[in-house]
Amino acid sequence: MLVGALLTVLTLAVLQFGLAVYVRNVVHDAAVEGAFHAALADTTLAEGAERTRTIIERSVGGQFAQGVDVVETTHLGHDAVQVTVRATLPLVGLLGAPRALEVSAHAPAESLQ
């Protein structure tokens, strides 16, 4: 009985860890995609933020797409776009600590000059 309970808790913990890693990877990939979209010469920063939100909403849900910030910056000495996403870190199922997960992505800014 005790071993069965321990194995059940261990299995659930591994599944929860896998879910947390999956959410982190989805949020990071969405930030990368949004940064590259916003860095295009004919798009705006707002369009990059919207693309990031859309990818996150379609993949894991809207509650993970609340804190998306896009800014122009310099990265490694070149003009760049940075997308930062602050999302919920899932601790029990998809419920968890709000804004505990933060990822950033950079993309080189494109220009028409």
PDB file of N, CA and C in Angstrom:
ATOM      1  N   MET A   1       0.823  -1.194   0.000  1.00  0.00           N
ATOM      2  CA  MET A   1       0.000   0.000   0.000  1.00  0.00           C
ATOM      3  C   MET A   1       0.866   1.258   0.000  1.00  0.00           C
ATOM      4  N   LEU A   2       1.865   1.310   0.851  1.00  0.00           N
ATOM      5  CA  LEU A   2       2.735   2.478   0.954  1.00  0.00           C
ATOM      6  C   LEU A   2       3.570   2.657  -0.318  1.00  0.00           C
ATOM      7  N   VAL A   3       4.032   1.546  -0.875  1.00  0.00           N
ATOM      8  CA  VAL A   3       4.835   1.610  -2.100  1.00  0.00           C
ATOM      9  C   VAL A   3       3.978   2.096  -3.268  1.00  0.00           C
ATOM     10  N   GLY A   4       2.735   1.640  -3.328  1.00  0.00           N
ATOM     11  CA  GLY A   4       1.834   2.079  -4.391  1.00  0.00           C
ATOM     12  C   GLY A   4       1.554   3.567  -4.325  1.00  0.00           C
ATOM     13  N   ALA A   5       1.352   4.079  -3.128  1.00  0.00           N
ATOM     14  CA  ALA A   5       1.113   5.516  -2.959  1.00  0.00           C
ATOM     15  C   ALA A   5       2.349   6.315  -3.349  1.00  0.00           C
ATOM     16  N   LEU A   6       3.519   5.830  -2.955  1.00  0.00           N
ATOM     17  CA  LEU A   6       4.762   6.510  -3.299  1.00  0.00           C
ATOM     18  C   LEU A   6       4.988   6.535  -4.805  1.00  0.00           C
ATOM     19  N   LEU A   7       4.730   5.405  -5.453  1.00  0.00           N
ATOM     20  CA  LEU A   7       4.885   5.354  -6.918  1.00  0.00           C
ATOM     21  C   LEU A   7       3.874   6.249  -7.629  1.00  0.00           C
ATOM     22  N   THR A   8       2.680   6.337  -7.086  1.00  0.00           N
ATOM     23  CA  THR A   8       1.663   7.208  -7.677  1.00  0.00           C
ATOM     24  C   THR A   8       2.088   8.674  -7.570  1.00  0.00           C
ATOM     25  N   VAL A   9       2.559   9.080  -6.401  1.00  0.00           N
ATOM     26  CA  VAL A   9       3.020  10.460  -6.216  1.00  0.00           C
ATOM     27  C   VAL A   9       4.208  10.750  -7.118  1.00  0.00           C
ATOM     28  N   LEU A  10       5.138   9.816  -7.215  1.00  0.00           N
ATOM     29  CA  LEU A  10       6.297   9.991  -8.074  1.00  0.00           C
ATOM     30  C   LEU A  10       5.895  10.124  -9.544  1.00  0.00           C
ATOM     31  N   THR A  11       4.971   9.303  -9.984  1.00  0.00           N
ATOM     32  CA  THR A  11       4.490   9.372 -11.369  1.00  0.00           C
ATOM     33  C   THR A  11       3.813  10.712 -11.648  1.00  0.00           C
ATOM     34  N   LEU A  12       2.970  11.154 -10.726  1.00  0.00           N
ATOM     35  CA  LEU A  12       2.299  12.446 -10.905  1.00  0.00           C
ATOM     36  C   LEU A  12       3.296  13.598 -10.909  1.00  0.00           C
ATOM     37  N   ALA A  13       4.333  13.518 -10.084  1.00  0.00           N
ATOM     38  CA  ALA A  13       5.355  14.566 -10.064  1.00  0.00           C
ATOM     39  C   ALA A  13       6.114  14.621 -11.382  1.00  0.00           C
ATOM     40  N   VAL A  14       6.434  13.473 -11.953  1.00  0.00           N
ATOM     41  CA  VAL A  14       7.129  13.440 -13.242  1.00  0.00           C
ATOM     42  C   VAL A  14       6.237  13.994 -14.346  1.00  0.00           C
ATOM     43  N   LEU A  15       4.962  13.653 -14.333  1.00  0.00           N
ATOM     44  CA  LEU A  15       4.031  14.194 -15.328  1.00  0.00           C
ATOM     45  C   LEU A  15       3.891  15.709 -15.190  1.00  0.00           C
ATOM     46  N   GLN A  16       3.823  16.206 -13.955  1.00  0.00           N
ATOM     47  CA  GLN A  16       3.711  17.653 -13.741  1.00  0.00           C
ATOM     48  C   GLN A  16       4.967  18.368 -14.207  1.00  0.00           C
ATOM     49  N   PHE A  17       6.133  17.789 -13.934  1.00  0.00           N
ATOM     50  CA  PHE A  17       7.390  18.381 -14.400  1.00  0.00           C
ATOM     51  C   PHE A  17       7.415  18.426 -15.925  1.00  0.00           C
ATOM     52  N   GLY A  18       6.971  17.354 -16.569  1.00  0.00           N
ATOM     53  CA  GLY A  18       6.904  17.335 -18.029  1.00  0.00           C
ATOM     54  C   GLY A  18       5.972  18.402 -18.575  1.00  0.00           C
ATOM     55  N   LEU A  19       4.838  18.610 -17.917  1.00  0.00           N
ATOM     56  CA  LEU A  19       3.900  19.654 -18.333  1.00  0.00           C
ATOM     57  C   LEU A  19       4.523  21.038 -18.190  1.00  0.00           C
ATOM     58  N   ALA A  20       5.231  21.258 -17.079  1.00  0.00           N
ATOM     59  CA  ALA A  20       5.877  22.559 -16.858  1.00  0.00           C
ATOM     60  C   ALA A  20       6.949  22.817 -17.918  1.00  0.00           C
ATOM     61  N   VAL A  21       7.723  21.805 -18.268  1.00  0.00           N
ATOM     62  CA  VAL A  21       8.749  21.960 -19.306  1.00  0.00           C
ATOM     63  C   VAL A  21       8.091  22.211 -20.657  1.00  0.00           C
ATOM     64  N   TYR A  22       6.988  21.515 -20.950  1.00  0.00           N
ATOM     65  CA  TYR A  22       6.276  21.732 -22.206  1.00  0.00           C
ATOM     66  C   TYR A  22       5.771  23.174 -22.305  1.00  0.00           C
ATOM     67  N   VAL A  23       5.154  23.684 -21.246  1.00  0.00           N
ATOM     68  CA  VAL A  23       4.641  25.060 -21.248  1.00  0.00           C
ATOM     69  C   VAL A  23       5.787  26.043 -21.434  1.00  0.00           C
ATOM     70  N   ARG A  24       6.903  25.828 -20.755  1.00  0.00           N
ATOM     71  CA  ARG A  24       8.057  26.706 -20.902  1.00  0.00           C
ATOM     72  C   ARG A  24       8.564  26.702 -22.338  1.00  0.00           C
ATOM     73  N   ASN A  25       8.652  25.533 -22.961  1.00  0.00           N
ATOM     74  CA  ASN A  25       9.131  25.444 -24.342  1.00  0.00           C
ATOM     75  C   ASN A  25       8.171  26.122 -25.318  1.00  0.00           C
ATOM     76  N   VAL A  26       6.879  25.957 -25.116  1.00  0.00           N
ATOM     77  CA  VAL A  26       5.891  26.612 -25.984  1.00  0.00           C
ATOM     78  C   VAL A  26       5.996  28.119 -25.852  1.00  0.00           C
ATOM     79  N   VAL A  27       6.087  28.613 -24.625  1.00  0.00           N
ATOM     80  CA  VAL A  27       6.176  30.058 -24.396  1.00  0.00           C
ATOM     81  C   VAL A  27       7.468  30.612 -24.998  1.00  0.00           C
ATOM     82  N   HIS A  28       8.566  29.903 -24.834  1.00  0.00           N
ATOM     83  CA  HIS A  28       9.844  30.364 -25.404  1.00  0.00           C
ATOM     84  C   HIS A  28       9.791  30.364 -26.927  1.00  0.00           C
ATOM     85  N   ASP A  29       9.281  29.307 -27.533  1.00  0.00           N
ATOM     86  CA  ASP A  29       9.188  29.260 -28.990  1.00  0.00           C
ATOM     87  C   ASP A  29       8.270  30.352 -29.531  1.00  0.00           C
ATOM     88  N   ALA A  30       7.198  30.657 -28.802  1.00  0.00           N
ATOM     89  CA  ALA A  30       6.306  31.744 -29.221  1.00  0.00           C
ATOM     90  C   ALA A  30       7.019  33.085 -29.123  1.00  0.00           C
ATOM     91  N   ALA A  31       7.840  33.272 -28.092  1.00  0.00           N
ATOM     92  CA  ALA A  31       8.601  34.516 -27.951  1.00  0.00           C
ATOM     93  C   ALA A  31       9.602  34.664 -29.096  1.00  0.00           C
ATOM     94  N   VAL A  32      10.262  33.574 -29.468  1.00  0.00           N
ATOM     95  CA  VAL A  32      11.206  33.609 -30.590  1.00  0.00           C
ATOM     96  C   VAL A  32      10.483  33.967 -31.885  1.00  0.00           C
ATOM     97  N   GLU A  33       9.360  33.316 -32.126  1.00  0.00           N
ATOM     98  CA  GLU A  33       8.596  33.588 -33.352  1.00  0.00           C
ATOM     99  C   GLU A  33       8.096  35.028 -33.372  1.00  0.00           C
ATOM    100  N   GLY A  34       7.613  35.526 -32.228  1.00  0.00           N
ATOM    101  CA  GLY A  34       7.150  36.910 -32.153  1.00  0.00           C
ATOM    102  C   GLY A  34       8.278  37.905 -32.357  1.00  0.00           C
ATOM    103  N   ALA A  35       9.463  37.604 -31.824  1.00  0.00           N
ATOM    104  CA  ALA A  35      10.608  38.502 -31.998  1.00  0.00           C
ATOM    105  C   ALA A  35      11.018  38.570 -33.462  1.00  0.00           C
ATOM    106  N   PHE A  36      11.092  37.441 -34.128  1.00  0.00           N
ATOM    107  CA  PHE A  36      11.472  37.459 -35.541  1.00  0.00           C
ATOM    108  C   PHE A  36      10.410  38.141 -36.388  1.00  0.00           C
ATOM    109  N   HIS A  37       9.138  37.984 -36.030  1.00  0.00           N
ATOM    110  CA  HIS A  37       8.085  38.659 -36.785  1.00  0.00           C
ATOM    111  C   HIS A  37       8.145  40.163 -36.571  1.00  0.00           C
ATOM    112  N   ALA A  38       8.349  40.600 -35.322  1.00  0.00           N
ATOM    113  CA  ALA A  38       8.415  42.034 -35.025  1.00  0.00           C
ATOM    114  C   ALA A  38       9.661  42.674 -35.615  1.00  0.00           C
ATOM    115  N   ALA A  39      10.713  41.894 -35.847  1.00  0.00           N
ATOM    116  CA  ALA A  39      11.971  42.436 -36.365  1.00  0.00           C
ATOM    117  C   ALA A  39      11.936  42.663 -37.878  1.00  0.00           C
ATOM    118  N   LEU A  40      10.906  42.183 -38.552  1.00  0.00           N
ATOM    119  CA  LEU A  40      10.813  42.414 -39.988  1.00  0.00           C
ATOM    120  C   LEU A  40      10.624  43.897 -40.273  1.00  0.00           C
ATOM    121  N   ALA A  41      11.129  44.349 -41.407  1.00  0.00           N
ATOM    122  CA  ALA A  41      11.112  45.774 -41.738  1.00  0.00           C
ATOM    123  C   ALA A  41       9.697  46.322 -41.931  1.00  0.00           C
ATOM    124  N   ASP A  42       8.769  45.484 -42.357  1.00  0.00           N
ATOM    125  CA  ASP A  42       7.427  45.989 -42.675  1.00  0.00           C
ATOM    126  C   ASP A  42       6.382  45.618 -41.608  1.00  0.00           C
ATOM    127  N   THR A  43       6.822  45.279 -40.407  1.00  0.00           N
ATOM    128  CA  THR A  43       5.878  44.979 -39.327  1.00  0.00           C
ATOM    129  C   THR A  43       6.175  45.857 -38.112  1.00  0.00           C
ATOM    130  N   THR A  44       5.214  45.893 -37.203  1.00  0.00           N
ATOM    131  CA  THR A  44       5.373  46.705 -35.996  1.00  0.00           C
ATOM    132  C   THR A  44       5.627  45.806 -34.789  1.00  0.00           C
ATOM    133  N   LEU A  45       6.029  46.443 -33.695  1.00  0.00           N
ATOM    134  CA  LEU A  45       6.233  45.697 -32.459  1.00  0.00           C
ATOM    135  C   LEU A  45       4.922  45.096 -31.959  1.00  0.00           C
ATOM    136  N   ALA A  46       3.838  45.815 -32.148  1.00  0.00           N
ATOM    137  CA  ALA A  46       2.526  45.321 -31.714  1.00  0.00           C
ATOM    138  C   ALA A  46       2.136  44.049 -32.464  1.00  0.00           C
ATOM    139  N   GLU A  47       2.489  43.979 -33.745  1.00  0.00           N
ATOM    140  CA  GLU A  47       2.192  42.764 -34.516  1.00  0.00           C
ATOM    141  C   GLU A  47       3.003  41.577 -34.004  1.00  0.00           C
ATOM    142  N   GLY A  48       4.225  41.811 -33.580  1.00  0.00           N
ATOM    143  CA  GLY A  48       5.037  40.748 -32.990  1.00  0.00           C
ATOM    144  C   GLY A  48       4.453  40.263 -31.673  1.00  0.00           C
ATOM    145  N   ALA A  49       3.967  41.197 -30.851  1.00  0.00           N
ATOM    146  CA  ALA A  49       3.338  40.822 -29.582  1.00  0.00           C
ATOM    147  C   ALA A  49       2.064  40.025 -29.831  1.00  0.00           C
ATOM    148  N   GLU A  50       1.280  40.447 -30.801  1.00  0.00           N
ATOM    149  CA  GLU A  50       0.042  39.739 -31.125  1.00  0.00           C
ATOM    150  C   GLU A  50       0.329  38.332 -31.641  1.00  0.00           C
ATOM    151  N   ARG A  51       1.364  38.190 -32.448  1.00  0.00           N
ATOM    152  CA  ARG A  51       1.730  36.864 -32.950  1.00  0.00           C
ATOM    153  C   ARG A  51       2.155  35.960 -31.793  1.00  0.00           C
ATOM    154  N   THR A  52       2.909  36.500 -30.857  1.00  0.00           N
ATOM    155  CA  THR A  52       3.324  35.730 -29.684  1.00  0.00           C
ATOM    156  C   THR A  52       2.112  35.275 -28.887  1.00  0.00           C
ATOM    157  N   ARG A  53       1.183  36.195 -28.623  1.00  0.00           N
ATOM    158  CA  ARG A  53      -0.028  35.850 -27.869  1.00  0.00           C
ATOM    159  C   ARG A  53      -0.847  34.783 -28.582  1.00  0.00           C
ATOM    160  N   THR A  54      -0.984  34.918 -29.893  1.00  0.00           N
ATOM    161  CA  THR A  54      -1.782  33.967 -30.662  1.00  0.00           C
ATOM    162  C   THR A  54      -1.201  32.560 -30.581  1.00  0.00           C
ATOM    163  N   ILE A  55       0.105  32.435 -30.718  1.00  0.00           N
ATOM    164  CA  ILE A  55       0.738  31.117 -30.655  1.00  0.00           C
ATOM    165  C   ILE A  55       0.551  30.501 -29.271  1.00  0.00           C
ATOM    166  N   ILE A  56       0.728  31.290 -28.228  1.00  0.00           N
ATOM    167  CA  ILE A  56       0.573  30.758 -26.872  1.00  0.00           C
ATOM    168  C   ILE A  56      -0.875  30.361 -26.619  1.00  0.00           C
ATOM    169  N   GLU A  57      -1.822  31.200 -27.022  1.00  0.00           N
ATOM    170  CA  GLU A  57      -3.238  30.898 -26.807  1.00  0.00           C
ATOM    171  C   GLU A  57      -3.651  29.623 -27.520  1.00  0.00           C
ATOM    172  N   ARG A  58      -3.186  29.427 -28.729  1.00  0.00           N
ATOM    173  CA  ARG A  58      -3.553  28.224 -29.489  1.00  0.00           C
ATOM    174  C   ARG A  58      -2.888  26.969 -28.942  1.00  0.00           C
ATOM    175  N   SER A  59      -1.744  27.117 -28.300  1.00  0.00           N
ATOM    176  CA  SER A  59      -0.994  25.941 -27.848  1.00  0.00           C
ATOM    177  C   SER A  59      -1.341  25.511 -26.428  1.00  0.00           C
ATOM    178  N   VAL A  60      -1.344  26.455 -25.490  1.00  0.00           N
ATOM    179  CA  VAL A  60      -1.561  26.080 -24.089  1.00  0.00           C
ATOM    180  C   VAL A  60      -2.666  26.856 -23.389  1.00  0.00           C
ATOM    181  N   GLY A  61      -3.205  27.899 -24.014  1.00  0.00           N
ATOM    182  CA  GLY A  61      -4.323  28.623 -23.410  1.00  0.00           C
ATOM    183  C   GLY A  61      -4.025  30.087 -23.172  1.00  0.00           C
ATOM    184  N   GLY A  62      -5.073  30.860 -23.105  1.00  0.00           N
ATOM    185  CA  GLY A  62      -4.960  32.303 -22.980  1.00  0.00           C
ATOM    186  C   GLY A  62      -4.386  32.785 -21.667  1.00  0.00           C
ATOM    187  N   GLN A  63      -4.520  32.001 -20.590  1.00  0.00           N
ATOM    188  CA  GLN A  63      -3.998  32.452 -19.293  1.00  0.00           C
ATOM    189  C   GLN A  63      -2.476  32.531 -19.291  1.00  0.00           C
ATOM    190  N   PHE A  64      -1.814  31.924 -20.263  1.00  0.00           N
ATOM    191  CA  PHE A  64      -0.355  31.961 -20.334  1.00  0.00           C
ATOM    192  C   PHE A  64       0.149  33.096 -21.220  1.00  0.00           C
ATOM    193  N   ALA A  65      -0.745  33.837 -21.860  1.00  0.00           N
ATOM    194  CA  ALA A  65      -0.341  34.884 -22.800  1.00  0.00           C
ATOM    195  C   ALA A  65      -0.652  36.279 -22.283  1.00  0.00           C
ATOM    196  N   GLN A  66      -0.707  36.469 -20.995  1.00  0.00           N
ATOM    197  CA  GLN A  66      -1.093  37.767 -20.446  1.00  0.00           C
ATOM    198  C   GLN A  66       0.036  38.787 -20.440  1.00  0.00           C
ATOM    199  N   GLY A  67       1.246  38.394 -20.135  1.00  0.00           N
ATOM    200  CA  GLY A  67       2.342  39.350 -19.988  1.00  0.00           C
ATOM    201  C   GLY A  67       3.338  39.275 -21.126  1.00  0.00           C
ATOM    202  N   VAL A  68       3.039  39.911 -22.263  1.00  0.00           N
ATOM    203  CA  VAL A  68       3.937  39.923 -23.419  1.00  0.00           C
ATOM    204  C   VAL A  68       4.414  41.354 -23.630  1.00  0.00           C
ATOM    205  N   ASP A  69       5.734  41.557 -23.571  1.00  0.00           N
ATOM    206  CA  ASP A  69       6.326  42.874 -23.795  1.00  0.00           C
ATOM    207  C   ASP A  69       7.309  42.788 -24.959  1.00  0.00           C
ATOM    208  N   VAL A  70       7.224  43.760 -25.867  1.00  0.00           N
ATOM    209  CA  VAL A  70       8.128  43.809 -27.021  1.00  0.00           C
ATOM    210  C   VAL A  70       8.787  45.179 -27.040  1.00  0.00           C
ATOM    211  N   VAL A  71      10.127  45.199 -27.113  1.00  0.00           N
ATOM    212  CA  VAL A  71      10.868  46.461 -27.136  1.00  0.00           C
ATOM    213  C   VAL A  71      11.990  46.372 -28.161  1.00  0.00           C
ATOM    214  N   GLU A  72      12.360  47.558 -28.686  1.00  0.00           N
ATOM    215  CA  GLU A  72      13.544  47.642 -29.533  1.00  0.00           C
ATOM    216  C   GLU A  72      14.743  47.833 -28.615  1.00  0.00           C
ATOM    217  N   THR A  73      15.830  47.141 -28.903  1.00  0.00           N
ATOM    218  CA  THR A  73      17.009  47.183 -28.054  1.00  0.00           C
ATOM    219  C   THR A  73      18.251  46.930 -28.902  1.00  0.00           C
ATOM    220  N   THR A  74      19.382  46.862 -28.266  1.00  0.00           N
ATOM    221  CA  THR A  74      20.590  46.406 -28.952  1.00  0.00           C
ATOM    222  C   THR A  74      21.016  45.107 -28.293  1.00  0.00           C
ATOM    223  N   HIS A  75      21.435  44.185 -29.109  1.00  0.00           N
ATOM    224  CA  HIS A  75      21.881  42.882 -28.626  1.00  0.00           C
ATOM    225  C   HIS A  75      23.163  42.531 -29.354  1.00  0.00           C
ATOM    226  N   LEU A  76      24.223  42.327 -28.600  1.00  0.00           N
ATOM    227  CA  LEU A  76      25.540  42.027 -29.164  1.00  0.00           C
ATOM    228  C   LEU A  76      26.008  43.124 -30.114  1.00  0.00           C
ATOM    229  N   GLY A  77      25.638  44.368 -29.791  1.00  0.00           N
ATOM    230  CA  GLY A  77      26.095  45.515 -30.562  1.00  0.00           C
ATOM    231  C   GLY A  77      25.286  45.825 -31.809  1.00  0.00           C
ATOM    232  N   HIS A  78      24.166  45.165 -32.012  1.00  0.00           N
ATOM    233  CA  HIS A  78      23.333  45.396 -33.199  1.00  0.00           C
ATOM    234  C   HIS A  78      21.909  45.711 -32.771  1.00  0.00           C
ATOM    235  N   ASP A  79      21.192  46.444 -33.627  1.00  0.00           N
ATOM    236  CA  ASP A  79      19.783  46.710 -33.355  1.00  0.00           C
ATOM    237  C   ASP A  79      19.026  45.395 -33.338  1.00  0.00           C
ATOM    238  N   ALA A  80      18.133  45.274 -32.373  1.00  0.00           N
ATOM    239  CA  ALA A  80      17.402  44.025 -32.217  1.00  0.00           C
ATOM    240  C   ALA A  80      16.025  44.297 -31.626  1.00  0.00           C
ATOM    241  N   VAL A  81      15.206  43.273 -31.642  1.00  0.00           N
ATOM    242  CA  VAL A  81      13.896  43.299 -31.009  1.00  0.00           C
ATOM    243  C   VAL A  81      13.914  42.240 -29.919  1.00  0.00           C
ATOM    244  N   GLN A  82      13.417  42.620 -28.745  1.00  0.00           N
ATOM    245  CA  GLN A  82      13.357  41.680 -27.632  1.00  0.00           C
ATOM    246  C   GLN A  82      11.906  41.456 -27.232  1.00  0.00           C
ATOM    247  N   VAL A  83      11.520  40.191 -27.141  1.00  0.00           N
ATOM    248  CA  VAL A  83      10.193  39.821 -26.656  1.00  0.00           C
ATOM    249  C   VAL A  83      10.377  39.127 -25.316  1.00  0.00           C
ATOM    250  N   THR A  84       9.669  39.618 -24.304  1.00  0.00           N
ATOM    251  CA  THR A  84       9.692  39.014 -22.974  1.00  0.00           C
ATOM    252  C   THR A  84       8.276  38.576 -22.628  1.00  0.00           C
ATOM    253  N   VAL A  85       8.153  37.329 -22.210  1.00  0.00           N
ATOM    254  CA  VAL A  85       6.849  36.785 -21.835  1.00  0.00           C
ATOM    255  C   VAL A  85       6.917  36.355 -20.379  1.00  0.00           C
ATOM    256  N   ARG A  86       5.972  36.847 -19.594  1.00  0.00           N
ATOM    257  CA  ARG A  86       5.819  36.412 -18.208  1.00  0.00           C
ATOM    258  C   ARG A  86       4.527  35.619 -18.142  1.00  0.00           C
ATOM    259  N   ALA A  87       4.661  34.344 -17.799  1.00  0.00           N
ATOM    260  CA  ALA A  87       3.510  33.440 -17.836  1.00  0.00           C
ATOM    261  C   ALA A  87       3.366  32.699 -16.509  1.00  0.00           C
ATOM    262  N   THR A  88       2.256  32.023 -16.369  1.00  0.00           N
ATOM    263  CA  THR A  88       2.000  31.202 -15.198  1.00  0.00           C
ATOM    264  C   THR A  88       2.855  29.944 -15.255  1.00  0.00           C
ATOM    265  N   LEU A  89       3.524  29.644 -14.164  1.00  0.00           N
ATOM    266  CA  LEU A  89       4.277  28.398 -14.049  1.00  0.00           C
ATOM    267  C   LEU A  89       3.334  27.337 -13.505  1.00  0.00           C
ATOM    268  N   PRO A  90       3.003  26.314 -14.311  1.00  0.00           N
ATOM    269  CA  PRO A  90       2.039  25.312 -13.848  1.00  0.00           C
ATOM    270  C   PRO A  90       2.616  24.452 -12.722  1.00  0.00           C
ATOM    271  N   LEU A  91       1.914  24.431 -11.585  1.00  0.00           N
ATOM    272  CA  LEU A  91       2.354  23.651 -10.435  1.00  0.00           C
ATOM    273  C   LEU A  91       1.443  22.466 -10.143  1.00  0.00           C
ATOM    274  N   VAL A  92       0.137  22.648 -10.365  1.00  0.00           N
ATOM    275  CA  VAL A  92      -0.837  21.568 -10.196  1.00  0.00           C
ATOM    276  C   VAL A  92      -1.731  21.601 -11.428  1.00  0.00           C
ATOM    277  N   GLY A  93      -1.508  20.679 -12.346  1.00  0.00           N
ATOM    278  CA  GLY A  93      -2.197  20.742 -13.631  1.00  0.00           C
ATOM    279  C   GLY A  93      -1.737  22.002 -14.343  1.00  0.00           C
ATOM    280  N   LEU A  94      -2.670  22.794 -14.863  1.00  0.00           N
ATOM    281  CA  LEU A  94      -2.318  24.063 -15.502  1.00  0.00           C
ATOM    282  C   LEU A  94      -2.433  25.238 -14.542  1.00  0.00           C
ATOM    283  N   LEU A  95      -2.780  24.976 -13.282  1.00  0.00           N
ATOM    284  CA  LEU A  95      -2.855  26.026 -12.272  1.00  0.00           C
ATOM    285  C   LEU A  95      -1.483  26.216 -11.645  1.00  0.00           C
ATOM    286  N   GLY A  96      -1.178  27.452 -11.297  1.00  0.00           N
ATOM    287  CA  GLY A  96       0.130  27.664 -10.701  1.00  0.00           C
ATOM    288  C   GLY A  96       0.368  29.095 -10.297  1.00  0.00           C
ATOM    289  N   ALA A  97       1.652  29.429 -10.219  1.00  0.00           N
ATOM    290  CA  ALA A  97       2.080  30.749  -9.785  1.00  0.00           C
ATOM    291  C   ALA A  97       2.061  31.728 -10.961  1.00  0.00           C
ATOM    292  N   PRO A  98       1.228  32.769 -10.895  1.00  0.00           N
ATOM    293  CA  PRO A  98       1.171  33.732 -11.998  1.00  0.00           C
ATOM    294  C   PRO A  98       2.490  34.486 -12.155  1.00  0.00           C
ATOM    295  N   ARG A  99       2.888  34.684 -13.392  1.00  0.00           N
ATOM    296  CA  ARG A  99       4.086  35.436 -13.771  1.00  0.00           C
ATOM    297  C   ARG A  99       5.380  34.897 -13.150  1.00  0.00           C
ATOM    298  N   ALA A 100       5.392  33.625 -12.776  1.00  0.00           N
ATOM    299  CA  ALA A 100       6.594  33.018 -12.207  1.00  0.00           C
ATOM    300  C   ALA A 100       7.540  32.511 -13.291  1.00  0.00           C
ATOM    301  N   LEU A 101       7.035  32.358 -14.495  1.00  0.00           N
ATOM    302  CA  LEU A 101       7.831  31.882 -15.618  1.00  0.00           C
ATOM    303  C   LEU A 101       8.117  33.065 -16.535  1.00  0.00           C
ATOM    304  N   GLU A 102       9.385  33.373 -16.752  1.00  0.00           N
ATOM    305  CA  GLU A 102       9.763  34.496 -17.614  1.00  0.00           C
ATOM    306  C   GLU A 102      10.782  34.030 -18.638  1.00  0.00           C
ATOM    307  N   VAL A 103      10.468  34.266 -19.907  1.00  0.00           N
ATOM    308  CA  VAL A 103      11.401  33.937 -20.991  1.00  0.00           C
ATOM    309  C   VAL A 103      11.573  35.155 -21.883  1.00  0.00           C
ATOM    310  N   SER A 104      12.743  35.269 -22.505  1.00  0.00           N
ATOM    311  CA  SER A 104      13.033  36.364 -23.430  1.00  0.00           C
ATOM    312  C   SER A 104      13.642  35.801 -24.695  1.00  0.00           C
ATOM    313  N   ALA A 105      13.392  36.499 -25.784  1.00  0.00           N
ATOM    314  CA  ALA A 105      13.974  36.122 -27.067  1.00  0.00           C
ATOM    315  C   ALA A 105      14.377  37.385 -27.812  1.00  0.00           C
ATOM    316  N   HIS A 106      15.462  37.287 -28.565  1.00  0.00           N
ATOM    317  CA  HIS A 106      15.969  38.411 -29.361  1.00  0.00           C
ATOM    318  C   HIS A 106      15.974  38.031 -30.831  1.00  0.00           C
ATOM    319  N   ALA A 107      15.812  39.039 -31.674  1.00  0.00           N
ATOM    320  CA  ALA A 107      15.935  38.853 -33.119  1.00  0.00           C
ATOM    321  C   ALA A 107      16.569  40.105 -33.708  1.00  0.00           C
ATOM    322  N   PRO A 108      17.461  39.944 -34.690  1.00  0.00           N
ATOM    323  CA  PRO A 108      18.085  41.114 -35.296  1.00  0.00           C
ATOM    324  C   PRO A 108      17.049  41.924 -36.075  1.00  0.00           C
ATOM    325  N   ALA A 109      17.093  43.249 -35.900  1.00  0.00           N
ATOM    326  CA  ALA A 109      16.138  44.124 -36.570  1.00  0.00           C
ATOM    327  C   ALA A 109      16.518  44.280 -38.033  1.00  0.00           C
ATOM    328  N   GLU A 110      15.524  44.166 -38.882  1.00  0.00           N
ATOM    329  CA  GLU A 110      15.702  44.320 -40.322  1.00  0.00           C
ATOM    330  C   GLU A 110      15.351  45.753 -40.703  1.00  0.00           C
ATOM    331  N   SER A 111      16.040  46.294 -41.692  1.00  0.00           N
ATOM    332  CA  SER A 111      15.705  47.647 -42.149  1.00  0.00           C
ATOM    333  C   SER A 111      15.664  47.653 -43.665  1.00  0.00           C
ATOM    334  N   LEU A 112      15.022  48.681 -44.210  1.00  0.00           N
ATOM    335  CA  LEU A 112      14.901  48.794 -45.659  1.00  0.00           C
ATOM    336  C   LEU A 112      16.016  49.646 -46.256  1.00  0.00           C
ATOM    337  N   GLN A 113      16.988  50.019 -45.462  1.00  0.00           N
ATOM    338  CA  GLN A 113      18.084  50.882 -45.946  1.00  0.00           C
ATOM    339  C   GLN A 113      19.210  50.064 -46.511  1.00  0.00           C
TER     340      GLN A 113
END
